[in-house]
Structure formats: structure tokens, C-alpha cells
Amino acid sequence: MRIIVLFNLKPATNVAQYEDWARTRDIPGVNALGSVENFTVHKATGLFGNPEGTPPFQYFEIIDITGMDAFVADISTEEFQAAAAPFQGFADAPQFVLTEDL
């Protein structure tokens, strides 16, 4: 199962501070969860075929998980909640999209 998270940073967010946190804390922390097979964060750089266009979202997270129940259990711990708390300060109304392979 894959979860795709789409988000923009809050207007007052320092981009370098967010990206440093993502690289040094968020990516290693989420990848350490037993229910996570792979977690990556991607920064939008443009729109294919439209060099003047602006992507609707600045960042995309891809979370491949072994199963929803195990993932919910992993992210529900006090330790994980504390580690992930900065995300709520950085991300402006993130959208968590659940997907399945065709």
C-alpha cells in the first residue's frame, strides 16, 4: 500500500529549516518504522511541458507501507508523535492520499 502526501509549506516557513528537518529527522525516522517499506520526500521543480507553470504543491511524500493497521500502530506512539510534531508546523493542510496498485 502507498500513501502519497501532497503539501505546501506554511507562508512563514523557512524552507532551509524544513528541508534540513526532513533530511535529518523525518526521512530517517519514518524509514525506521517497522511498517514502512520506503519513505521519500520530493520537492516540485516545475511542470512537464509547461516551463512557466507553477506546480499545485511544493512537496510530495511517498510512503510505502506493509499495511494500514501496522502503520497506524507505529505512528500512534508518543515517541513518533513527538518526532513528527514539527511537520504540522511546516506543512499547510497536507493531503494524505491512499492508493492501491492497478
C-alpha atoms as a PDB file:
ATOM      1  CA  MET A   1       0.000   0.000   0.000  1.00  0.00           C
ATOM      2  CA  ARG A   2       1.206   3.503  -0.783  1.00  0.00           C
ATOM      3  CA  ILE A   3       0.288   6.823   0.792  1.00  0.00           C
ATOM      4  CA  ILE A   4       1.061   9.994  -1.137  1.00  0.00           C
ATOM      5  CA  VAL A   5       1.190  13.223   0.850  1.00  0.00           C
ATOM      6  CA  LEU A   6       0.742  16.479  -1.054  1.00  0.00           C
ATOM      7  CA  PHE A   7       1.516  19.775   0.649  1.00  0.00           C
ATOM      8  CA  ASN A   8       2.773  23.308   0.535  1.00  0.00           C
ATOM      9  CA  LEU A   9       4.742  24.935   3.290  1.00  0.00           C
ATOM     10  CA  LYS A  10       3.044  27.488   5.501  1.00  0.00           C
ATOM     11  CA  PRO A  11       3.839  31.027   4.322  1.00  0.00           C
ATOM     12  CA  ALA A  12       6.167  31.902   7.223  1.00  0.00           C
ATOM     13  CA  THR A  13       8.123  28.635   6.994  1.00  0.00           C
ATOM     14  CA  ASN A  14      11.860  28.816   6.468  1.00  0.00           C
ATOM     15  CA  VAL A  15      12.436  26.452   3.509  1.00  0.00           C
ATOM     16  CA  ALA A  16      16.008  25.579   4.510  1.00  0.00           C
ATOM     17  CA  GLN A  17      14.876  24.752   8.047  1.00  0.00           C
ATOM     18  CA  TYR A  18      12.086  22.483   6.764  1.00  0.00           C
ATOM     19  CA  GLU A  19      14.352  20.710   4.274  1.00  0.00           C
ATOM     20  CA  ASP A  20      17.049  20.166   6.903  1.00  0.00           C
ATOM     21  CA  TRP A  21      14.461  18.699   9.290  1.00  0.00           C
ATOM     22  CA  ALA A  22      13.072  16.478   6.514  1.00  0.00           C
ATOM     23  CA  ARG A  23      16.526  15.150   5.571  1.00  0.00           C
ATOM     24  CA  THR A  24      17.924  14.657   9.071  1.00  0.00           C
ATOM     25  CA  ARG A  25      14.878  13.756  11.160  1.00  0.00           C
ATOM     26  CA  ASP A  26      11.735  12.957   9.188  1.00  0.00           C
ATOM     27  CA  ILE A  27      13.090  10.700   6.443  1.00  0.00           C
ATOM     28  CA  PRO A  28      15.269   8.562   8.748  1.00  0.00           C
ATOM     29  CA  GLY A  29      12.568   8.465  11.444  1.00  0.00           C
ATOM     30  CA  VAL A  30       9.755   7.319   9.165  1.00  0.00           C
ATOM     31  CA  ASN A  31      12.002   4.827   7.374  1.00  0.00           C
ATOM     32  CA  ALA A  32      12.851   3.302  10.777  1.00  0.00           C
ATOM     33  CA  LEU A  33       9.217   2.304  11.390  1.00  0.00           C
ATOM     34  CA  GLY A  34       8.600  -1.426  11.069  1.00  0.00           C
ATOM     35  CA  SER A  35       5.509  -0.877   8.919  1.00  0.00           C
ATOM     36  CA  VAL A  36       7.311   1.339   6.392  1.00  0.00           C
ATOM     37  CA  GLU A  37       8.994  -0.279   3.411  1.00  0.00           C
ATOM     38  CA  ASN A  38      10.204   3.031   1.961  1.00  0.00           C
ATOM     39  CA  PHE A  39       9.659   6.744   2.566  1.00  0.00           C
ATOM     40  CA  THR A  40      10.841   9.548   0.309  1.00  0.00           C
ATOM     41  CA  VAL A  41      10.217  13.292   0.129  1.00  0.00           C
ATOM     42  CA  HIS A  42      10.241  15.132  -3.189  1.00  0.00           C
ATOM     43  CA  LYS A  43      10.383  18.853  -3.974  1.00  0.00           C
ATOM     44  CA  ALA A  44       8.462  20.036  -7.042  1.00  0.00           C
ATOM     45  CA  THR A  45      10.683  21.774  -9.575  1.00  0.00           C
ATOM     46  CA  GLY A  46       8.207  22.594 -12.345  1.00  0.00           C
ATOM     47  CA  LEU A  47       5.527  21.234 -14.639  1.00  0.00           C
ATOM     48  CA  PHE A  48       6.417  18.961 -17.546  1.00  0.00           C
ATOM     49  CA  GLY A  49       5.619  20.677 -20.832  1.00  0.00           C
ATOM     50  CA  ASN A  50       4.828  23.980 -19.117  1.00  0.00           C
ATOM     51  CA  PRO A  51       8.068  25.691 -18.070  1.00  0.00           C
ATOM     52  CA  GLU A  52       6.190  28.800 -16.929  1.00  0.00           C
ATOM     53  CA  GLY A  53       3.660  26.879 -14.845  1.00  0.00           C
ATOM     54  CA  THR A  54       3.671  26.542 -11.079  1.00  0.00           C
ATOM     55  CA  PRO A  55       3.043  23.098  -9.553  1.00  0.00           C
ATOM     56  CA  PRO A  56      -0.043  22.979  -7.305  1.00  0.00           C
ATOM     57  CA  PHE A  57       2.048  21.521  -4.473  1.00  0.00           C
ATOM     58  CA  GLN A  58       5.610  22.266  -3.380  1.00  0.00           C
ATOM     59  CA  TYR A  59       6.349  18.859  -1.816  1.00  0.00           C
ATOM     60  CA  PHE A  60       5.285  15.243  -2.193  1.00  0.00           C
ATOM     61  CA  GLU A  61       5.906  12.390   0.206  1.00  0.00           C
ATOM     62  CA  ILE A  62       5.683   8.766  -0.874  1.00  0.00           C
ATOM     63  CA  ILE A  63       5.153   6.268   1.962  1.00  0.00           C
ATOM     64  CA  ASP A  64       5.141   2.571   1.064  1.00  0.00           C
ATOM     65  CA  ILE A  65       3.692   0.595   3.962  1.00  0.00           C
ATOM     66  CA  THR A  66       3.178  -3.064   4.767  1.00  0.00           C
ATOM     67  CA  GLY A  67      -0.394  -2.461   5.946  1.00  0.00           C
ATOM     68  CA  MET A  68      -2.622   0.235   7.365  1.00  0.00           C
ATOM     69  CA  ASP A  69      -3.149  -1.314  10.811  1.00  0.00           C
ATOM     70  CA  ALA A  70       0.583  -1.709  11.416  1.00  0.00           C
ATOM     71  CA  PHE A  71       1.292   1.799  10.142  1.00  0.00           C
ATOM     72  CA  VAL A  72      -1.381   3.372  12.343  1.00  0.00           C
ATOM     73  CA  ALA A  73       0.048   1.499  15.344  1.00  0.00           C
ATOM     74  CA  ASP A  74       3.563   2.751  14.535  1.00  0.00           C
ATOM     75  CA  ILE A  75       2.578   6.389  14.133  1.00  0.00           C
ATOM     76  CA  SER A  76       0.325   6.379  17.191  1.00  0.00           C
ATOM     77  CA  THR A  77       3.131   6.077  19.717  1.00  0.00           C
ATOM     78  CA  GLU A  78       4.033   9.069  21.871  1.00  0.00           C
ATOM     79  CA  GLU A  79       7.623   8.853  20.628  1.00  0.00           C
ATOM     80  CA  PHE A  80       6.638   9.066  16.964  1.00  0.00           C
ATOM     81  CA  GLN A  81       4.066  11.804  17.591  1.00  0.00           C
ATOM     82  CA  ALA A  82       6.739  13.928  19.283  1.00  0.00           C
ATOM     83  CA  ALA A  83       9.208  13.326  16.446  1.00  0.00           C
ATOM     84  CA  ALA A  84       6.614  14.147  13.777  1.00  0.00           C
ATOM     85  CA  ALA A  85       5.155  17.222  15.524  1.00  0.00           C
ATOM     86  CA  PRO A  86       7.319  19.707  13.592  1.00  0.00           C
ATOM     87  CA  PHE A  87       5.641  18.588  10.348  1.00  0.00           C
ATOM     88  CA  GLN A  88       2.391  20.250  11.484  1.00  0.00           C
ATOM     89  CA  GLY A  89       4.301  23.494  11.944  1.00  0.00           C
ATOM     90  CA  PHE A  90       5.804  23.329   8.461  1.00  0.00           C
ATOM     91  CA  ALA A  91       3.026  21.878   6.280  1.00  0.00           C
ATOM     92  CA  ASP A  92      -0.078  23.838   5.307  1.00  0.00           C
ATOM     93  CA  ALA A  93      -3.089  21.475   5.222  1.00  0.00           C
ATOM     94  CA  PRO A  94      -1.313  18.354   3.924  1.00  0.00           C
ATOM     95  CA  GLN A  95      -3.433  15.896   1.968  1.00  0.00           C
ATOM     96  CA  PHE A  96      -2.827  12.192   2.628  1.00  0.00           C
ATOM     97  CA  VAL A  97      -3.945  10.205  -0.420  1.00  0.00           C
ATOM     98  CA  LEU A  98      -4.390   6.437  -0.016  1.00  0.00           C
ATOM     99  CA  THR A  99      -3.625   4.423  -3.142  1.00  0.00           C
ATOM    100  CA  GLU A 100      -3.550   0.882  -4.465  1.00  0.00           C
ATOM    101  CA  ASP A 101      -1.719  -0.573  -7.428  1.00  0.00           C
ATOM    102  CA  LEU A 102      -3.730  -1.496 -10.517  1.00  0.00           C
END
